[in-house]
mmCIF file of all heavy atoms, coordinates in Angstrom:
data_MODEL
# 
_entry.id   MODEL 
# 
loop_
_atom_site.group_PDB 
_atom_site.id 
_atom_site.type_symbol 
_atom_site.label_atom_id 
_atom_site.label_alt_id 
_atom_site.label_comp_id 
_atom_site.label_asym_id 
_atom_site.label_entity_id 
_atom_site.label_seq_id 
_atom_site.pdbx_PDB_ins_code 
_atom_site.Cartn_x 
_atom_site.Cartn_y 
_atom_site.Cartn_z 
_atom_site.occupancy 
_atom_site.B_iso_or_equiv 
_atom_site.pdbx_formal_charge 
_atom_site.auth_seq_id 
_atom_site.auth_comp_id 
_atom_site.auth_asym_id 
_atom_site.auth_atom_id 
_atom_site.pdbx_PDB_model_num 
ATOM 1   N N   . ASP A 1 1  ? -67.451 -113.397 -44.818 1.00 0.00 ? 1  ASP A N   1 
ATOM 2   C CA  . ASP A 1 1  ? -68.580 -113.431 -43.816 1.00 0.00 ? 1  ASP A CA  1 
ATOM 3   C C   . ASP A 1 1  ? -68.146 -114.120 -42.636 1.00 0.00 ? 1  ASP A C   1 
ATOM 4   O O   . ASP A 1 1  ? -66.886 -114.592 -42.658 1.00 0.00 ? 1  ASP A O   1 
ATOM 5   C CB  . ASP A 1 1  ? -69.942 -113.884 -44.423 1.00 0.00 ? 1  ASP A CB  1 
ATOM 6   C CG  . ASP A 1 1  ? -69.824 -115.406 -44.828 1.00 0.00 ? 1  ASP A CG  1 
ATOM 7   O OD1 . ASP A 1 1  ? -68.895 -116.116 -44.477 1.00 0.00 ? 1  ASP A OD1 1 
ATOM 8   O OD2 . ASP A 1 1  ? -70.815 -115.807 -45.505 1.00 0.00 ? 1  ASP A OD2 1 
ATOM 9   N N   . ASN A 1 2  ? -69.039 -114.377 -41.637 1.00 0.00 ? 2  ASN A N   1 
ATOM 10  C CA  . ASN A 1 2  ? -68.503 -115.009 -40.447 1.00 0.00 ? 2  ASN A CA  1 
ATOM 11  C C   . ASN A 1 2  ? -68.294 -116.503 -40.664 1.00 0.00 ? 2  ASN A C   1 
ATOM 12  O O   . ASN A 1 2  ? -67.745 -117.262 -39.825 1.00 0.00 ? 2  ASN A O   1 
ATOM 13  C CB  . ASN A 1 2  ? -69.776 -114.852 -39.341 1.00 0.00 ? 2  ASN A CB  1 
ATOM 14  C CG  . ASN A 1 2  ? -71.069 -115.487 -39.798 1.00 0.00 ? 2  ASN A CG  1 
ATOM 15  O OD1 . ASN A 1 2  ? -71.365 -115.466 -40.943 1.00 0.00 ? 2  ASN A OD1 1 
ATOM 16  N ND2 . ASN A 1 2  ? -71.780 -115.881 -38.884 1.00 0.00 ? 2  ASN A ND2 1 
ATOM 17  N N   . LEU A 1 3  ? -68.601 -117.133 -41.769 1.00 0.00 ? 3  LEU A N   1 
ATOM 18  C CA  . LEU A 1 3  ? -68.317 -118.494 -42.110 1.00 0.00 ? 3  LEU A CA  1 
ATOM 19  C C   . LEU A 1 3  ? -67.189 -118.564 -43.045 1.00 0.00 ? 3  LEU A C   1 
ATOM 20  O O   . LEU A 1 3  ? -66.871 -119.589 -43.553 1.00 0.00 ? 3  LEU A O   1 
ATOM 21  C CB  . LEU A 1 3  ? -69.581 -119.131 -42.779 1.00 0.00 ? 3  LEU A CB  1 
ATOM 22  C CG  . LEU A 1 3  ? -70.720 -119.334 -41.785 1.00 0.00 ? 3  LEU A CG  1 
ATOM 23  C CD1 . LEU A 1 3  ? -71.817 -120.004 -42.565 1.00 0.00 ? 3  LEU A CD1 1 
ATOM 24  C CD2 . LEU A 1 3  ? -70.337 -120.055 -40.552 1.00 0.00 ? 3  LEU A CD2 1 
ATOM 25  N N   . GLY A 1 4  ? -66.512 -117.533 -43.438 1.00 0.00 ? 4  GLY A N   1 
ATOM 26  C CA  . GLY A 1 4  ? -65.259 -117.505 -44.235 1.00 0.00 ? 4  GLY A CA  1 
ATOM 27  C C   . GLY A 1 4  ? -65.565 -117.485 -45.620 1.00 0.00 ? 4  GLY A C   1 
ATOM 28  O O   . GLY A 1 4  ? -64.693 -117.760 -46.479 1.00 0.00 ? 4  GLY A O   1 
ATOM 29  N N   . ARG A 1 5  ? -66.851 -117.322 -45.920 1.00 0.00 ? 5  ARG A N   1 
ATOM 30  C CA  . ARG A 1 5  ? -67.300 -117.209 -47.428 1.00 0.00 ? 5  ARG A CA  1 
ATOM 31  C C   . ARG A 1 5  ? -67.036 -115.895 -48.023 1.00 0.00 ? 5  ARG A C   1 
ATOM 32  O O   . ARG A 1 5  ? -66.985 -114.801 -47.381 1.00 0.00 ? 5  ARG A O   1 
ATOM 33  C CB  . ARG A 1 5  ? -68.730 -117.749 -47.502 1.00 0.00 ? 5  ARG A CB  1 
ATOM 34  C CG  . ARG A 1 5  ? -68.952 -119.019 -46.926 1.00 0.00 ? 5  ARG A CG  1 
ATOM 35  C CD  . ARG A 1 5  ? -70.449 -119.491 -46.868 1.00 0.00 ? 5  ARG A CD  1 
ATOM 36  N NE  . ARG A 1 5  ? -71.242 -118.555 -46.179 1.00 0.00 ? 5  ARG A NE  1 
ATOM 37  C CZ  . ARG A 1 5  ? -72.438 -118.631 -45.887 1.00 0.00 ? 5  ARG A CZ  1 
ATOM 38  N NH1 . ARG A 1 5  ? -73.172 -119.731 -46.344 1.00 0.00 ? 5  ARG A NH1 1 
ATOM 39  N NH2 . ARG A 1 5  ? -73.123 -117.693 -45.118 1.00 0.00 ? 5  ARG A NH2 1 
ATOM 40  N N   . ILE A 1 6  ? -66.956 -115.813 -49.284 1.00 0.00 ? 6  ILE A N   1 
ATOM 41  C CA  . ILE A 1 6  ? -66.865 -114.501 -50.025 1.00 0.00 ? 6  ILE A CA  1 
ATOM 42  C C   . ILE A 1 6  ? -68.395 -114.026 -50.478 1.00 0.00 ? 6  ILE A C   1 
ATOM 43  O O   . ILE A 1 6  ? -69.113 -114.709 -51.274 1.00 0.00 ? 6  ILE A O   1 
ATOM 44  C CB  . ILE A 1 6  ? -66.173 -114.688 -51.365 1.00 0.00 ? 6  ILE A CB  1 
ATOM 45  C CG1 . ILE A 1 6  ? -64.801 -115.271 -50.973 1.00 0.00 ? 6  ILE A CG1 1 
ATOM 46  C CG2 . ILE A 1 6  ? -65.982 -113.432 -52.066 1.00 0.00 ? 6  ILE A CG2 1 
ATOM 47  C CD1 . ILE A 1 6  ? -63.882 -115.735 -52.235 1.00 0.00 ? 6  ILE A CD1 1 
ATOM 48  N N   . PRO A 1 7  ? -68.807 -112.834 -49.922 1.00 0.00 ? 7  PRO A N   1 
ATOM 49  C CA  . PRO A 1 7  ? -70.030 -112.389 -50.385 1.00 0.00 ? 7  PRO A CA  1 
ATOM 50  C C   . PRO A 1 7  ? -70.172 -111.862 -51.817 1.00 0.00 ? 7  PRO A C   1 
ATOM 51  O O   . PRO A 1 7  ? -69.232 -111.297 -52.252 1.00 0.00 ? 7  PRO A O   1 
ATOM 52  C CB  . PRO A 1 7  ? -70.212 -111.044 -49.335 1.00 0.00 ? 7  PRO A CB  1 
ATOM 53  C CG  . PRO A 1 7  ? -69.251 -111.393 -48.285 1.00 0.00 ? 7  PRO A CG  1 
ATOM 54  C CD  . PRO A 1 7  ? -68.116 -112.073 -48.969 1.00 0.00 ? 7  PRO A CD  1 
ATOM 55  N N   . VAL A 1 8  ? -71.161 -112.185 -52.474 1.00 0.00 ? 8  VAL A N   1 
ATOM 56  C CA  . VAL A 1 8  ? -71.405 -111.780 -53.850 1.00 0.00 ? 8  VAL A CA  1 
ATOM 57  C C   . VAL A 1 8  ? -72.928 -111.329 -54.083 1.00 0.00 ? 8  VAL A C   1 
ATOM 58  O O   . VAL A 1 8  ? -73.746 -111.534 -53.238 1.00 0.00 ? 8  VAL A O   1 
ATOM 59  C CB  . VAL A 1 8  ? -71.101 -113.018 -54.805 1.00 0.00 ? 8  VAL A CB  1 
ATOM 60  C CG1 . VAL A 1 8  ? -69.684 -113.459 -54.735 1.00 0.00 ? 8  VAL A CG1 1 
ATOM 61  C CG2 . VAL A 1 8  ? -72.088 -114.280 -54.505 1.00 0.00 ? 8  VAL A CG2 1 
ATOM 62  N N   . ASN A 1 9  ? -73.104 -110.662 -55.183 1.00 0.00 ? 9  ASN A N   1 
ATOM 63  C CA  . ASN A 1 9  ? -74.489 -110.292 -55.560 1.00 0.00 ? 9  ASN A CA  1 
ATOM 64  C C   . ASN A 1 9  ? -74.981 -111.338 -56.356 1.00 0.00 ? 9  ASN A C   1 
ATOM 65  O O   . ASN A 1 9  ? -74.496 -112.442 -56.636 1.00 0.00 ? 9  ASN A O   1 
ATOM 66  C CB  . ASN A 1 9  ? -74.386 -108.866 -56.146 1.00 0.00 ? 9  ASN A CB  1 
ATOM 67  C CG  . ASN A 1 9  ? -73.645 -108.781 -57.528 1.00 0.00 ? 9  ASN A CG  1 
ATOM 68  O OD1 . ASN A 1 9  ? -73.356 -109.890 -58.112 1.00 0.00 ? 9  ASN A OD1 1 
ATOM 69  N ND2 . ASN A 1 9  ? -73.343 -107.579 -57.891 1.00 0.00 ? 9  ASN A ND2 1 
ATOM 70  N N   . SER A 1 10 ? -76.182 -111.064 -57.040 1.00 0.00 ? 10 SER A N   1 
ATOM 71  C CA  . SER A 1 10 ? -76.937 -112.054 -57.891 1.00 0.00 ? 10 SER A CA  1 
ATOM 72  C C   . SER A 1 10 ? -76.166 -112.352 -59.137 1.00 0.00 ? 10 SER A C   1 
ATOM 73  O O   . SER A 1 10 ? -76.384 -113.321 -59.831 1.00 0.00 ? 10 SER A O   1 
ATOM 74  C CB  . SER A 1 10 ? -78.203 -111.508 -58.197 1.00 0.00 ? 10 SER A CB  1 
ATOM 75  O OG  . SER A 1 10 ? -78.240 -110.264 -59.007 1.00 0.00 ? 10 SER A OG  1 
ATOM 76  N N   . LYS A 1 11 ? -75.109 -111.561 -59.530 1.00 0.00 ? 11 LYS A N   1 
ATOM 77  C CA  . LYS A 1 11 ? -74.346 -111.773 -60.739 1.00 0.00 ? 11 LYS A CA  1 
ATOM 78  C C   . LYS A 1 11 ? -73.009 -112.490 -60.247 1.00 0.00 ? 11 LYS A C   1 
ATOM 79  O O   . LYS A 1 11 ? -72.182 -112.716 -61.152 1.00 0.00 ? 11 LYS A O   1 
ATOM 80  C CB  . LYS A 1 11 ? -73.968 -110.508 -61.320 1.00 0.00 ? 11 LYS A CB  1 
ATOM 81  C CG  . LYS A 1 11 ? -75.229 -109.567 -61.731 1.00 0.00 ? 11 LYS A CG  1 
ATOM 82  C CD  . LYS A 1 11 ? -75.978 -110.203 -62.863 1.00 0.00 ? 11 LYS A CD  1 
ATOM 83  C CE  . LYS A 1 11 ? -77.125 -109.243 -63.379 1.00 0.00 ? 11 LYS A CE  1 
ATOM 84  N NZ  . LYS A 1 11 ? -77.919 -109.997 -64.422 1.00 0.00 ? 11 LYS A NZ  1 
ATOM 85  N N   . PHE A 1 12 ? -72.825 -112.763 -59.011 1.00 0.00 ? 12 PHE A N   1 
ATOM 86  C CA  . PHE A 1 12 ? -71.809 -113.416 -58.450 1.00 0.00 ? 12 PHE A CA  1 
ATOM 87  C C   . PHE A 1 12 ? -70.549 -112.532 -58.398 1.00 0.00 ? 12 PHE A C   1 
ATOM 88  O O   . PHE A 1 12 ? -69.368 -112.854 -58.440 1.00 0.00 ? 12 PHE A O   1 
ATOM 89  C CB  . PHE A 1 12 ? -71.327 -114.718 -59.189 1.00 0.00 ? 12 PHE A CB  1 
ATOM 90  C CG  . PHE A 1 12 ? -72.438 -115.838 -59.063 1.00 0.00 ? 12 PHE A CG  1 
ATOM 91  C CD1 . PHE A 1 12 ? -73.347 -115.877 -60.135 1.00 0.00 ? 12 PHE A CD1 1 
ATOM 92  C CD2 . PHE A 1 12 ? -72.711 -116.287 -58.047 1.00 0.00 ? 12 PHE A CD2 1 
ATOM 93  C CE1 . PHE A 1 12 ? -74.460 -116.811 -60.192 1.00 0.00 ? 12 PHE A CE1 1 
ATOM 94  C CE2 . PHE A 1 12 ? -73.953 -117.170 -57.847 1.00 0.00 ? 12 PHE A CE2 1 
ATOM 95  C CZ  . PHE A 1 12 ? -74.687 -117.381 -59.010 1.00 0.00 ? 12 PHE A CZ  1 
ATOM 96  N N   . GLN A 1 13 ? -70.853 -111.223 -58.426 1.00 0.00 ? 13 GLN A N   1 
ATOM 97  C CA  . GLN A 1 13 ? -69.780 -110.211 -58.341 1.00 0.00 ? 13 GLN A CA  1 
ATOM 98  C C   . GLN A 1 13 ? -69.489 -109.784 -56.918 1.00 0.00 ? 13 GLN A C   1 
ATOM 99  O O   . GLN A 1 13 ? -70.381 -109.693 -56.069 1.00 0.00 ? 13 GLN A O   1 
ATOM 100 C CB  . GLN A 1 13 ? -70.243 -108.861 -59.123 1.00 0.00 ? 13 GLN A CB  1 
ATOM 101 C CG  . GLN A 1 13 ? -69.316 -107.774 -59.538 1.00 0.00 ? 13 GLN A CG  1 
ATOM 102 C CD  . GLN A 1 13 ? -69.981 -106.830 -60.477 1.00 0.00 ? 13 GLN A CD  1 
ATOM 103 O OE1 . GLN A 1 13 ? -70.943 -106.613 -60.329 1.00 0.00 ? 13 GLN A OE1 1 
ATOM 104 N NE2 . GLN A 1 13 ? -69.106 -106.305 -61.323 1.00 0.00 ? 13 GLN A NE2 1 
ATOM 105 N N   . THR A 1 14 ? -68.194 -109.739 -56.572 1.00 0.00 ? 14 THR A N   1 
ATOM 106 C CA  . THR A 1 14 ? -67.890 -109.369 -55.187 1.00 0.00 ? 14 THR A CA  1 
ATOM 107 C C   . THR A 1 14 ? -67.888 -107.770 -54.952 1.00 0.00 ? 14 THR A C   1 
ATOM 108 O O   . THR A 1 14 ? -68.361 -107.072 -55.891 1.00 0.00 ? 14 THR A O   1 
ATOM 109 C CB  . THR A 1 14 ? -66.364 -109.795 -54.944 1.00 0.00 ? 14 THR A CB  1 
ATOM 110 O OG1 . THR A 1 14 ? -65.453 -109.129 -55.562 1.00 0.00 ? 14 THR A OG1 1 
ATOM 111 C CG2 . THR A 1 14 ? -66.180 -111.287 -55.214 1.00 0.00 ? 14 THR A CG2 1 
ATOM 112 N N   . GLU A 1 15 ? -67.432 -107.315 -53.790 1.00 0.00 ? 15 GLU A N   1 
ATOM 113 C CA  . GLU A 1 15 ? -67.241 -105.887 -53.620 1.00 0.00 ? 15 GLU A CA  1 
ATOM 114 C C   . GLU A 1 15 ? -66.364 -105.154 -54.660 1.00 0.00 ? 15 GLU A C   1 
ATOM 115 O O   . GLU A 1 15 ? -66.525 -104.037 -54.904 1.00 0.00 ? 15 GLU A O   1 
ATOM 116 C CB  . GLU A 1 15 ? -66.788 -105.818 -52.181 1.00 0.00 ? 15 GLU A CB  1 
ATOM 117 C CG  . GLU A 1 15 ? -67.586 -106.150 -50.998 1.00 0.00 ? 15 GLU A CG  1 
ATOM 118 C CD  . GLU A 1 15 ? -66.851 -106.032 -49.736 1.00 0.00 ? 15 GLU A CD  1 
ATOM 119 O OE1 . GLU A 1 15 ? -66.136 -106.952 -49.272 1.00 0.00 ? 15 GLU A OE1 1 
ATOM 120 O OE2 . GLU A 1 15 ? -67.189 -104.959 -49.102 1.00 0.00 ? 15 GLU A OE2 1 
ATOM 121 N N   . VAL A 1 16 ? -65.573 -105.999 -55.198 1.00 0.00 ? 16 VAL A N   1 
ATOM 122 C CA  . VAL A 1 16 ? -64.610 -105.445 -56.233 1.00 0.00 ? 16 VAL A CA  1 
ATOM 123 C C   . VAL A 1 16 ? -65.195 -105.798 -57.512 1.00 0.00 ? 16 VAL A C   1 
ATOM 124 O O   . VAL A 1 16 ? -65.339 -106.929 -57.856 1.00 0.00 ? 16 VAL A O   1 
ATOM 125 C CB  . VAL A 1 16 ? -63.252 -106.089 -56.076 1.00 0.00 ? 16 VAL A CB  1 
ATOM 126 C CG1 . VAL A 1 16 ? -62.277 -105.419 -57.210 1.00 0.00 ? 16 VAL A CG1 1 
ATOM 127 C CG2 . VAL A 1 16 ? -62.609 -105.743 -54.734 1.00 0.00 ? 16 VAL A CG2 1 
ATOM 128 N N   . PRO A 1 17 ? -65.633 -104.835 -58.373 1.00 0.00 ? 17 PRO A N   1 
ATOM 129 C CA  . PRO A 1 17 ? -66.447 -105.165 -59.615 1.00 0.00 ? 17 PRO A CA  1 
ATOM 130 C C   . PRO A 1 17 ? -65.941 -106.016 -60.638 1.00 0.00 ? 17 PRO A C   1 
ATOM 131 O O   . PRO A 1 17 ? -66.407 -106.754 -61.368 1.00 0.00 ? 17 PRO A O   1 
ATOM 132 C CB  . PRO A 1 17 ? -66.570 -103.678 -60.226 1.00 0.00 ? 17 PRO A CB  1 
ATOM 133 C CG  . PRO A 1 17 ? -66.497 -102.764 -59.050 1.00 0.00 ? 17 PRO A CG  1 
ATOM 134 C CD  . PRO A 1 17 ? -65.465 -103.461 -58.155 1.00 0.00 ? 17 PRO A CD  1 
ATOM 135 N N   . THR A 1 18 ? -64.411 -106.144 -60.546 1.00 0.00 ? 18 THR A N   1 
ATOM 136 C CA  . THR A 1 18 ? -63.712 -106.994 -61.568 1.00 0.00 ? 18 THR A CA  1 
ATOM 137 C C   . THR A 1 18 ? -63.590 -108.412 -61.110 1.00 0.00 ? 18 THR A C   1 
ATOM 138 O O   . THR A 1 18 ? -63.113 -109.267 -61.757 1.00 0.00 ? 18 THR A O   1 
ATOM 139 C CB  . THR A 1 18 ? -62.317 -106.389 -61.928 1.00 0.00 ? 18 THR A CB  1 
ATOM 140 O OG1 . THR A 1 18 ? -61.669 -106.341 -60.697 1.00 0.00 ? 18 THR A OG1 1 
ATOM 141 C CG2 . THR A 1 18 ? -62.428 -105.042 -62.656 1.00 0.00 ? 18 THR A CG2 1 
ATOM 142 N N   . ILE A 1 19 ? -63.886 -108.672 -59.859 1.00 0.00 ? 19 ILE A N   1 
ATOM 143 C CA  . ILE A 1 19 ? -63.704 -110.037 -59.318 1.00 0.00 ? 19 ILE A CA  1 
ATOM 144 C C   . ILE A 1 19 ? -65.039 -110.646 -58.782 1.00 0.00 ? 19 ILE A C   1 
ATOM 145 O O   . ILE A 1 19 ? -65.870 -109.971 -58.248 1.00 0.00 ? 19 ILE A O   1 
ATOM 146 C CB  . ILE A 1 19 ? -62.858 -109.937 -57.990 1.00 0.00 ? 19 ILE A CB  1 
ATOM 147 C CG1 . ILE A 1 19 ? -61.497 -109.144 -58.304 1.00 0.00 ? 19 ILE A CG1 1 
ATOM 148 C CG2 . ILE A 1 19 ? -62.563 -111.174 -57.350 1.00 0.00 ? 19 ILE A CG2 1 
ATOM 149 C CD1 . ILE A 1 19 ? -60.647 -108.941 -57.111 1.00 0.00 ? 19 ILE A CD1 1 
ATOM 150 N N   . TYR A 1 20 ? -65.147 -111.952 -59.380 1.00 0.00 ? 20 TYR A N   1 
ATOM 151 C CA  . TYR A 1 20 ? -66.404 -112.596 -59.068 1.00 0.00 ? 20 TYR A CA  1 
ATOM 152 C C   . TYR A 1 20 ? -65.936 -113.987 -58.330 1.00 0.00 ? 20 TYR A C   1 
ATOM 153 O O   . TYR A 1 20 ? -64.892 -114.454 -58.182 1.00 0.00 ? 20 TYR A O   1 
ATOM 154 C CB  . TYR A 1 20 ? -67.036 -113.177 -60.434 1.00 0.00 ? 20 TYR A CB  1 
ATOM 155 C CG  . TYR A 1 20 ? -67.501 -111.978 -61.308 1.00 0.00 ? 20 TYR A CG  1 
ATOM 156 C CD1 . TYR A 1 20 ? -66.571 -111.050 -61.894 1.00 0.00 ? 20 TYR A CD1 1 
ATOM 157 C CD2 . TYR A 1 20 ? -68.905 -111.834 -61.490 1.00 0.00 ? 20 TYR A CD2 1 
ATOM 158 C CE1 . TYR A 1 20 ? -67.101 -110.137 -62.674 1.00 0.00 ? 20 TYR A CE1 1 
ATOM 159 C CE2 . TYR A 1 20 ? -69.199 -110.841 -62.367 1.00 0.00 ? 20 TYR A CE2 1 
ATOM 160 C CZ  . TYR A 1 20 ? -68.432 -109.882 -62.860 1.00 0.00 ? 20 TYR A CZ  1 
ATOM 161 O OH  . TYR A 1 20 ? -68.917 -108.881 -63.642 1.00 0.00 ? 20 TYR A OH  1 
ATOM 162 N N   . ALA A 1 21 ? -67.042 -114.575 -57.684 1.00 0.00 ? 21 ALA A N   1 
ATOM 163 C CA  . ALA A 1 21 ? -66.846 -115.679 -56.987 1.00 0.00 ? 21 ALA A CA  1 
ATOM 164 C C   . ALA A 1 21 ? -67.910 -116.729 -57.161 1.00 0.00 ? 21 ALA A C   1 
ATOM 165 O O   . ALA A 1 21 ? -69.198 -116.305 -57.134 1.00 0.00 ? 21 ALA A O   1 
ATOM 166 C CB  . ALA A 1 21 ? -66.522 -115.548 -55.349 1.00 0.00 ? 21 ALA A CB  1 
ATOM 167 N N   . ILE A 1 22 ? -67.661 -117.996 -57.084 1.00 0.00 ? 22 ILE A N   1 
ATOM 168 C CA  . ILE A 1 22 ? -68.733 -119.003 -57.322 1.00 0.00 ? 22 ILE A CA  1 
ATOM 169 C C   . ILE A 1 22 ? -68.391 -120.394 -56.537 1.00 0.00 ? 22 ILE A C   1 
ATOM 170 O O   . ILE A 1 22 ? -67.277 -120.509 -55.958 1.00 0.00 ? 22 ILE A O   1 
ATOM 171 C CB  . ILE A 1 22 ? -68.830 -119.460 -58.793 1.00 0.00 ? 22 ILE A CB  1 
ATOM 172 C CG1 . ILE A 1 22 ? -67.457 -120.008 -59.369 1.00 0.00 ? 22 ILE A CG1 1 
ATOM 173 C CG2 . ILE A 1 22 ? -69.276 -118.342 -59.717 1.00 0.00 ? 22 ILE A CG2 1 
ATOM 174 C CD1 . ILE A 1 22 ? -67.502 -120.650 -60.696 1.00 0.00 ? 22 ILE A CD1 1 
ATOM 175 N N   . GLY A 1 23 ? -69.372 -121.205 -56.378 1.00 0.00 ? 23 GLY A N   1 
ATOM 176 C CA  . GLY A 1 23 ? -69.202 -122.463 -55.747 1.00 0.00 ? 23 GLY A CA  1 
ATOM 177 C C   . GLY A 1 23 ? -69.048 -122.615 -54.320 1.00 0.00 ? 23 GLY A C   1 
ATOM 178 O O   . GLY A 1 23 ? -69.800 -121.706 -53.625 1.00 0.00 ? 23 GLY A O   1 
ATOM 179 N N   . ASP A 1 24 ? -68.481 -123.508 -53.792 1.00 0.00 ? 24 ASP A N   1 
ATOM 180 C CA  . ASP A 1 24 ? -68.375 -123.772 -52.280 1.00 0.00 ? 24 ASP A CA  1 
ATOM 181 C C   . ASP A 1 24 ? -67.867 -122.588 -51.528 1.00 0.00 ? 24 ASP A C   1 
ATOM 182 O O   . ASP A 1 24 ? -68.054 -122.522 -50.381 1.00 0.00 ? 24 ASP A O   1 
ATOM 183 C CB  . ASP A 1 24 ? -67.501 -124.967 -51.954 1.00 0.00 ? 24 ASP A CB  1 
ATOM 184 C CG  . ASP A 1 24 ? -68.266 -126.299 -52.319 1.00 0.00 ? 24 ASP A CG  1 
ATOM 185 O OD1 . ASP A 1 24 ? -69.417 -126.196 -52.972 1.00 0.00 ? 24 ASP A OD1 1 
ATOM 186 O OD2 . ASP A 1 24 ? -67.695 -127.276 -52.139 1.00 0.00 ? 24 ASP A OD2 1 
ATOM 187 N N   . CYS A 1 25 ? -67.061 -121.610 -52.111 1.00 0.00 ? 25 CYS A N   1 
ATOM 188 C CA  . CYS A 1 25 ? -66.553 -120.478 -51.385 1.00 0.00 ? 25 CYS A CA  1 
ATOM 189 C C   . CYS A 1 25 ? -67.457 -119.417 -51.313 1.00 0.00 ? 25 CYS A C   1 
ATOM 190 O O   . CYS A 1 25 ? -67.188 -118.345 -50.720 1.00 0.00 ? 25 CYS A O   1 
ATOM 191 C CB  . CYS A 1 25 ? -65.147 -120.020 -52.084 1.00 0.00 ? 25 CYS A CB  1 
ATOM 192 S SG  . CYS A 1 25 ? -65.292 -119.271 -53.639 1.00 0.00 ? 25 CYS A SG  1 
# 
């Protein structure tokens, strides 16, 4: 996103279904 963060859904899943992201990023 515009702040350099990784967008995720409510399950912390990214646009790529096998990759998740959590925390400060």
